[in-house]
Structure formats: C-alpha cells, structure tokens
Protein backbone atom coordinates (compact mmCIF):
# COMPACT_ATOMS: atom_id res chain seq x y z
CA UNK A 1 2.45 -78.98 -39.98
CA UNK A 2 5.25 -79.47 -37.43
CA UNK A 3 5.62 -75.68 -37.08
CA UNK A 4 1.89 -75.25 -36.33
CA UNK A 5 2.07 -77.89 -33.61
CA UNK A 6 5.13 -76.21 -32.08
CA UNK A 7 3.39 -72.82 -32.06
CA UNK A 8 0.27 -74.36 -30.51
CA UNK A 9 2.29 -76.04 -27.73
CA UNK A 10 4.17 -72.82 -27.05
CA UNK A 11 0.88 -70.90 -26.74
CA UNK A 12 -0.46 -73.48 -24.29
CA UNK A 13 2.70 -73.22 -22.20
CA UNK A 14 2.54 -69.41 -22.10
CA UNK A 15 -1.15 -69.45 -21.16
CA UNK A 16 -0.48 -71.95 -18.36
CA UNK A 17 2.40 -69.86 -16.99
CA UNK A 18 0.31 -66.67 -17.04
CA UNK A 19 -2.54 -68.39 -15.20
CA UNK A 20 -0.16 -69.74 -12.53
CA UNK A 21 1.52 -66.34 -12.15
CA UNK A 22 -1.84 -64.75 -11.35
CA UNK A 23 -2.57 -67.43 -8.74
CA UNK A 24 0.92 -66.96 -7.23
CA UNK A 25 0.21 -63.30 -6.61
CA UNK A 26 -2.72 -64.03 -4.27
CA UNK A 27 -1.91 -66.54 -1.56
CA UNK A 28 -4.83 -68.27 0.15
CA UNK A 29 -3.61 -66.94 3.50
CA UNK A 30 -3.89 -63.26 2.58
CA UNK A 31 -1.38 -61.29 0.58
CA UNK A 32 1.63 -63.20 1.88
CA UNK A 33 3.96 -64.55 -0.82
CA UNK A 34 3.65 -68.25 -1.56
CA UNK A 35 6.38 -70.63 -0.51
CA UNK A 36 8.57 -72.38 -3.09
CA UNK A 37 6.57 -75.59 -2.45
CA UNK A 38 3.26 -73.80 -3.10
CA UNK A 39 4.69 -72.26 -6.25
CA UNK A 40 5.77 -75.74 -7.46
CA UNK A 41 2.27 -77.06 -6.69
CA UNK A 42 0.74 -74.26 -8.74
CA UNK A 43 3.13 -74.99 -11.59
CA UNK A 44 1.95 -78.62 -11.53
CA UNK A 45 -1.70 -77.55 -11.45
CA UNK A 46 -2.15 -78.77 -7.86
CA UNK A 47 -4.09 -75.81 -6.53
CA UNK A 48 -6.65 -77.79 -4.56
CA UNK A 49 -4.98 -77.73 -1.12
CA UNK A 50 -7.43 -76.29 1.39
CA UNK A 51 -4.74 -75.48 3.96
CA UNK A 52 -2.22 -73.04 2.49
CA UNK A 53 0.32 -71.23 4.66
CA UNK A 54 3.51 -69.30 4.08
CA UNK A 55 6.82 -70.82 5.18
CA UNK A 56 6.85 -68.46 8.17
CA UNK A 57 3.37 -69.59 9.23
CA UNK A 58 4.42 -73.26 9.00
CA UNK A 59 7.55 -72.57 11.04
CA UNK A 60 5.40 -71.11 13.84
CA UNK A 61 3.22 -74.21 14.20
CA UNK A 62 5.66 -77.06 13.42
CA UNK A 63 8.77 -78.24 15.23
CA UNK A 64 11.99 -77.91 13.23
CA UNK A 65 11.96 -81.65 12.48
CA UNK A 66 8.30 -81.58 11.41
CA UNK A 67 9.02 -78.61 9.16
CA UNK A 68 12.02 -80.42 7.64
CA UNK A 69 9.93 -83.51 6.85
CA UNK A 70 6.54 -82.02 5.98
CA UNK A 71 7.59 -78.88 4.10
CA UNK A 72 11.12 -79.70 2.83
CA UNK A 73 10.50 -83.39 2.00
CA UNK A 74 13.03 -84.61 4.52
CA UNK A 75 13.22 -88.02 6.17
CA UNK A 76 13.60 -88.75 9.87
CA UNK A 77 16.20 -91.26 11.00
CA UNK A 78 14.93 -94.87 10.91
CA UNK A 79 13.72 -96.25 14.26
CA UNK A 80 13.80 -92.75 15.82
CA UNK A 81 10.12 -91.80 15.57
CA UNK A 82 7.78 -92.20 18.54
CA UNK A 83 4.96 -93.71 16.45
CA UNK A 84 6.98 -96.47 14.82
CA UNK A 85 6.31 -98.96 17.64
CA UNK A 86 2.90 -97.55 18.63
CA UNK A 87 0.40 -100.41 19.02
CA UNK A 88 -2.57 -98.44 20.41
CA UNK A 89 -5.86 -98.26 18.51
CA UNK A 90 -6.66 -94.93 16.93
CA UNK A 91 -6.26 -92.60 13.98
CA UNK A 92 -3.09 -91.17 12.44
CA UNK A 93 -3.52 -87.63 11.07
CA UNK A 94 -1.26 -85.11 9.35
CA UNK A 95 0.85 -83.31 11.96
CA UNK A 96 0.60 -80.14 9.89
CA UNK A 97 -3.14 -79.76 9.40
CA UNK A 98 -4.88 -82.58 11.28
CA UNK A 99 -6.21 -84.36 8.18
CA UNK A 100 -7.18 -87.93 9.29
CA UNK A 101 -5.31 -90.33 6.99
CA UNK A 102 -4.61 -93.80 8.43
CA UNK A 103 -6.14 -96.17 10.96
CA UNK A 104 -4.26 -98.34 13.43
CA UNK A 105 -6.26 -101.21 11.88
CA UNK A 106 -4.09 -100.99 8.75
CA UNK A 107 -0.74 -100.44 10.52
CA UNK A 108 1.77 -103.28 10.38
CA UNK A 109 5.37 -103.96 11.42
CA UNK A 110 7.48 -103.64 8.27
CA UNK A 111 10.88 -103.74 9.96
CA UNK A 112 11.93 -100.58 8.10
CA UNK A 113 12.02 -98.26 11.11
CA UNK A 114 9.09 -96.11 10.03
CA UNK A 115 5.35 -96.49 10.67
CA UNK A 116 3.86 -98.55 7.85
CA UNK A 117 0.27 -98.95 6.71
CA UNK A 118 -1.28 -101.00 3.91
CA UNK A 119 -4.01 -98.47 3.01
CA UNK A 120 -5.23 -94.95 3.87
CA UNK A 121 -8.59 -94.29 5.51
CA UNK A 122 -9.95 -93.37 2.07
CA UNK A 123 -8.54 -92.58 -1.34
CA UNK A 124 -9.02 -88.82 -0.86
CA UNK A 125 -6.95 -88.69 2.35
CA UNK A 126 -3.57 -88.71 0.58
CA UNK A 127 -2.08 -87.76 -2.76
CA UNK A 128 0.55 -89.78 -4.56
CA UNK A 129 3.01 -88.39 -7.07
CA UNK A 130 6.19 -89.61 -8.79
CA UNK A 131 9.47 -88.84 -7.00
CA UNK A 132 12.84 -89.16 -8.74
CA UNK A 133 14.90 -87.17 -6.21
CA UNK A 134 17.12 -90.10 -5.17
CA UNK A 135 17.94 -91.20 -8.71
CA UNK A 136 15.22 -93.84 -8.69
CA UNK A 137 11.51 -93.78 -9.35
CA UNK A 138 9.45 -93.83 -6.15
CA UNK A 139 5.94 -92.69 -5.26
CA UNK A 140 5.75 -89.84 -2.76
CA UNK A 141 2.81 -89.67 -0.36
CA UNK A 142 1.42 -86.20 0.44
CA UNK A 143 -1.36 -84.94 2.69
CA UNK A 144 -4.28 -84.10 0.42
CA UNK A 145 -5.30 -81.13 2.59
CA UNK A 146 -2.00 -79.23 3.03
CA UNK A 147 0.44 -80.94 0.64
CA UNK A 148 2.78 -81.97 3.45
CA UNK A 149 5.31 -84.70 2.63
CA UNK A 150 4.52 -87.85 4.61
CA UNK A 151 6.80 -90.49 3.08
CA UNK A 152 6.54 -92.97 0.21
CA UNK A 153 4.40 -95.91 -0.87
CA UNK A 154 5.88 -99.17 -2.15
CA UNK A 155 4.36 -102.31 -3.63
CA UNK A 156 5.90 -104.76 -1.16
CA UNK A 157 3.24 -104.61 1.57
CA UNK A 158 0.92 -107.28 2.97
CA UNK A 159 -2.45 -108.42 1.71
CA UNK A 160 -5.07 -107.27 0.93
CA UNK A 161 -3.52 -104.31 -0.94
CA UNK A 162 0.13 -105.34 -1.31
CA UNK A 163 1.08 -101.74 -0.51
CA UNK A 164 3.40 -100.33 2.15
CA UNK A 165 2.83 -96.68 3.01
CA UNK A 166 6.15 -95.98 4.72
CA UNK A 167 5.67 -92.72 6.61
CA UNK A 168 7.70 -90.40 8.80
CA UNK A 169 6.55 -90.57 12.40
CA UNK A 170 7.01 -86.80 12.92
CA UNK A 171 4.68 -86.12 9.98
CA UNK A 172 1.87 -87.85 11.88
CA UNK A 173 -0.24 -87.05 14.90
CA UNK A 174 -1.89 -89.97 16.71
CA UNK A 175 -5.31 -89.78 18.37
CA UNK A 176 -6.04 -92.71 20.66
CA UNK A 177 -9.39 -94.45 20.27
CA UNK A 178 -11.54 -94.05 23.37
C-alpha cells in the first residue's frame, strides 16, 4: 500500500513539473525567457499574474532600488523612503505596474520607518505568502498583478484589523487625491 502511494505521489510530481516546464517555455511577454522569480511562481502554481516581464524589461522601467525591492525581495533602509512620512490623501499603487493597493485612509504611523497600513483597498489587491528567508516565519506581501515584493504584514497593527502592512516606500507610487 505504501509503495502505491509513493508511486502515485511521484507521478503527480512529474506531471506538475512537465506542466510548469511547458509554461516556462512561453513567456507572457513574447518568446523571452522567464525570470527566476517567474519560474519560481510557476513552480508554486502562481501563474495568474497579468503583468509578466523579463528581468531586462523590469530593469528598463524601474530604478535600481525599485528593482532590488520589487523583483529581488530587497528592503530599503528604514526611514529613508519618501512616502514614510507622507500625510496627503490619495492612493498608493505598485511602483512596478500601477496596481492600486492601499488608501491613505488606512495609513498609520507605526514608528518602524516604513509606510504602514492596516488594510489593503480590497482583498484582491495583494497576495500574501509565507516567508522564512530570515530564519523566522513572516508573511510576505506581493502585488497581485505583477508579483512584485512590497514588504510584510504583521499582526501588531491598530484596530479594526490588528494588521500592519509594513511596506517599502520605493515599491509604492502615490497618487494625490484631487
């Protein structure tokens, strides 16, 4: 019985790899090869990003710091981002693809040095996935449209949600309310 289960699991794994390999060979932006991040997303079954670009395409439209944060999962220095102290009313969008994600209405001063929000505009605006890169379990926040790394969400925020979306300022673009 144990052998049959092992064979079944192995067949599922091989089928999944073959399916992802076929998807890897046709990038959404033409015949360009997929980036390592896109390949990882395919391996995880996250093929629903509507904005897919090669690393070279991202490098043409993002600053080096934006690329480091959004595409390589980097973190800007605390208190260095221009949007950390922003108090104007408006919408915060992904700096990579323009996906509207957070409102100034949910922004609060967390004292961490990064823009913090207690909830996204809607549940579909961001994706959350486990992150163990720093030797601890955290929840990474990604743009649901392009998969760009925005920051992390923690459960030490204010009411009504108790959440703190701690985001990199360079990963965001602010549009002032008129």
